[in-house]
Protein backbone atom coordinates (compact mmCIF):
# COMPACT_ATOMS: atom_id res chain seq x y z
CA MET A 1 54.71 19.60 -30.48
CA GLU A 2 52.83 16.90 -32.28
CA GLU A 3 55.24 14.33 -30.91
CA GLN A 4 54.38 15.28 -27.31
CA THR A 5 50.60 15.05 -27.81
CA GLN A 6 50.89 11.73 -29.57
CA GLU A 7 52.71 10.17 -26.64
CA ARG A 8 50.47 8.35 -24.28
CA MET A 9 50.00 10.20 -21.02
CA GLU A 10 49.93 8.13 -17.84
CA PRO A 11 47.15 8.88 -15.29
CA ILE A 12 48.22 10.48 -12.05
CA LYS A 13 47.60 8.33 -8.98
CA LYS A 14 47.66 9.63 -5.42
CA THR A 15 47.08 7.96 -2.10
CA VAL A 16 45.40 10.14 0.50
CA GLN A 17 44.85 9.34 4.16
CA LEU A 18 41.74 10.80 5.73
CA GLU A 19 40.80 11.04 9.40
CA VAL A 20 37.12 11.28 10.29
CA GLU A 21 35.68 11.84 13.75
CA VAL A 22 32.13 10.56 14.26
CA GLY A 23 30.11 11.40 17.34
CA THR A 24 28.22 8.43 18.76
CA THR A 25 26.40 10.17 21.57
CA THR A 26 22.61 10.11 21.53
CA VAL A 27 20.62 13.27 21.93
CA ASP A 28 17.48 13.14 24.07
CA ARG A 29 14.98 15.44 22.43
CA GLY A 30 12.14 14.60 24.78
CA LYS A 31 8.80 12.98 24.04
CA ASN A 32 7.67 12.66 20.43
CA PRO A 33 4.85 15.18 19.91
CA PHE A 34 3.18 12.90 17.34
CA GLU A 35 3.18 9.80 19.54
CA LYS A 36 -0.59 9.91 20.10
CA TRP A 37 -1.27 10.24 16.35
CA ILE A 38 1.05 7.32 15.62
CA HIS A 39 -0.76 5.22 18.22
CA LEU A 40 -4.14 6.17 16.69
CA ALA A 41 -2.92 5.25 13.19
CA LYS A 42 -1.66 1.87 14.41
CA THR A 43 -4.97 1.23 16.18
CA ILE A 44 -7.01 2.06 13.06
CA ASP A 45 -4.71 -0.19 11.02
CA ALA A 46 -4.99 -3.05 13.51
CA TRP A 47 -8.78 -2.81 13.70
CA ARG A 48 -9.02 -2.55 9.88
CA ILE A 49 -11.73 0.11 10.12
CA PHE A 50 -11.61 1.36 6.52
CA PRO A 51 -11.68 -2.06 4.83
CA ARG A 52 -14.60 -3.11 7.03
CA VAL A 53 -16.53 0.08 6.25
CA PHE A 54 -15.82 -0.33 2.53
CA VAL A 55 -17.03 -3.95 2.47
CA SER A 56 -20.11 -3.04 4.54
CA VAL A 57 -21.07 -0.23 2.17
CA TYR A 58 -20.53 -2.53 -0.81
CA ILE A 59 -22.80 -5.16 0.77
CA VAL A 60 -25.54 -2.53 1.14
CA LEU A 61 -25.03 -1.51 -2.51
CA LEU A 62 -25.22 -5.13 -3.58
CA TYR A 63 -28.42 -5.68 -1.60
CA LYS A 64 -30.10 -2.58 -3.05
CA VAL A 65 -29.10 -3.42 -6.64
CA VAL A 66 -30.34 -7.00 -6.36
CA THR A 67 -33.65 -6.01 -4.76
CA TRP A 68 -34.12 -3.29 -7.40
CA PHE A 69 -33.49 -5.84 -10.15
CA MET A 70 -35.96 -8.32 -8.67
CA THR A 71 -38.72 -5.69 -8.62
CA LEU A 72 -38.38 -4.95 -12.34
CA PRO A 73 -41.28 -6.40 -14.35
CA ASN A 74 -39.29 -6.98 -17.57
CA PRO A 75 -35.53 -6.46 -17.09
CA ASN A 76 -33.57 -5.80 -20.24
CA LEU A 77 -30.01 -6.76 -21.16
CA GLU A 78 -28.38 -3.57 -19.79
CA GLN A 79 -30.05 -3.94 -16.41
CA SER A 80 -29.03 -7.57 -16.08
CA ALA A 81 -25.47 -6.65 -17.11
CA LEU A 82 -25.32 -4.03 -14.34
CA VAL A 83 -26.45 -6.55 -11.73
CA SER A 84 -24.04 -9.16 -12.98
CA ILE A 85 -21.11 -6.70 -12.77
CA VAL A 86 -22.03 -5.59 -9.23
CA VAL A 87 -22.41 -9.21 -8.04
CA GLY A 88 -19.17 -10.28 -9.76
CA ALA A 89 -17.24 -7.37 -8.32
CA MET A 90 -18.38 -8.41 -4.84
CA ALA A 91 -16.26 -11.53 -5.18
CA ALA A 92 -13.22 -9.40 -6.00
CA VAL A 93 -13.92 -7.01 -3.12
CA PHE A 94 -14.25 -9.87 -0.64
CA GLY A 95 -11.13 -11.56 -2.02
CA ILE A 96 -9.08 -8.40 -1.56
CA TYR A 97 -10.54 -7.86 1.92
CA ALA A 98 -9.81 -11.43 3.01
CA GLY A 99 -6.29 -11.42 1.58
CA THR A 100 -5.01 -8.22 3.23
CA SER A 101 -5.18 -9.00 6.94
CA GLY A 102 -2.04 -9.42 8.97
CA GLN A 103 -3.29 -12.81 10.09
CA SER A 104 -3.58 -14.09 6.52
CA LYS A 105 -0.03 -12.89 5.79
CA LYS A 106 1.24 -14.84 8.79
CA PHE A 107 -0.67 -17.89 7.60
CA LYS A 108 0.97 -17.68 4.18
CA GLY A 109 4.40 -17.28 5.79
CA GLU A 110 4.99 -13.75 4.44
CA SER A 111 5.35 -12.15 7.88
């Protein structure tokens, strides 16, 4: 028995032929019920409504923070740090806004 287990066993190889039938007919399921929603989403994306609203709100925040800071009689270090962070972040917000339009992607050749 030990002699049989010690012999090297060859793997079994089989060749199998398989026939597959694939249907290539198209099925007309009618009009897409979400077509209007898809059109609305593409319109909102093309008009860039949310980025414009976000930048507009941030501009209002920036204006209010700067005018608040200018009305302070003796601003301290924490108050000036807050204003400096808000003003510095505006550059990042505008940079992200300006770099995400489809037109800027075409200009860079990203398409």
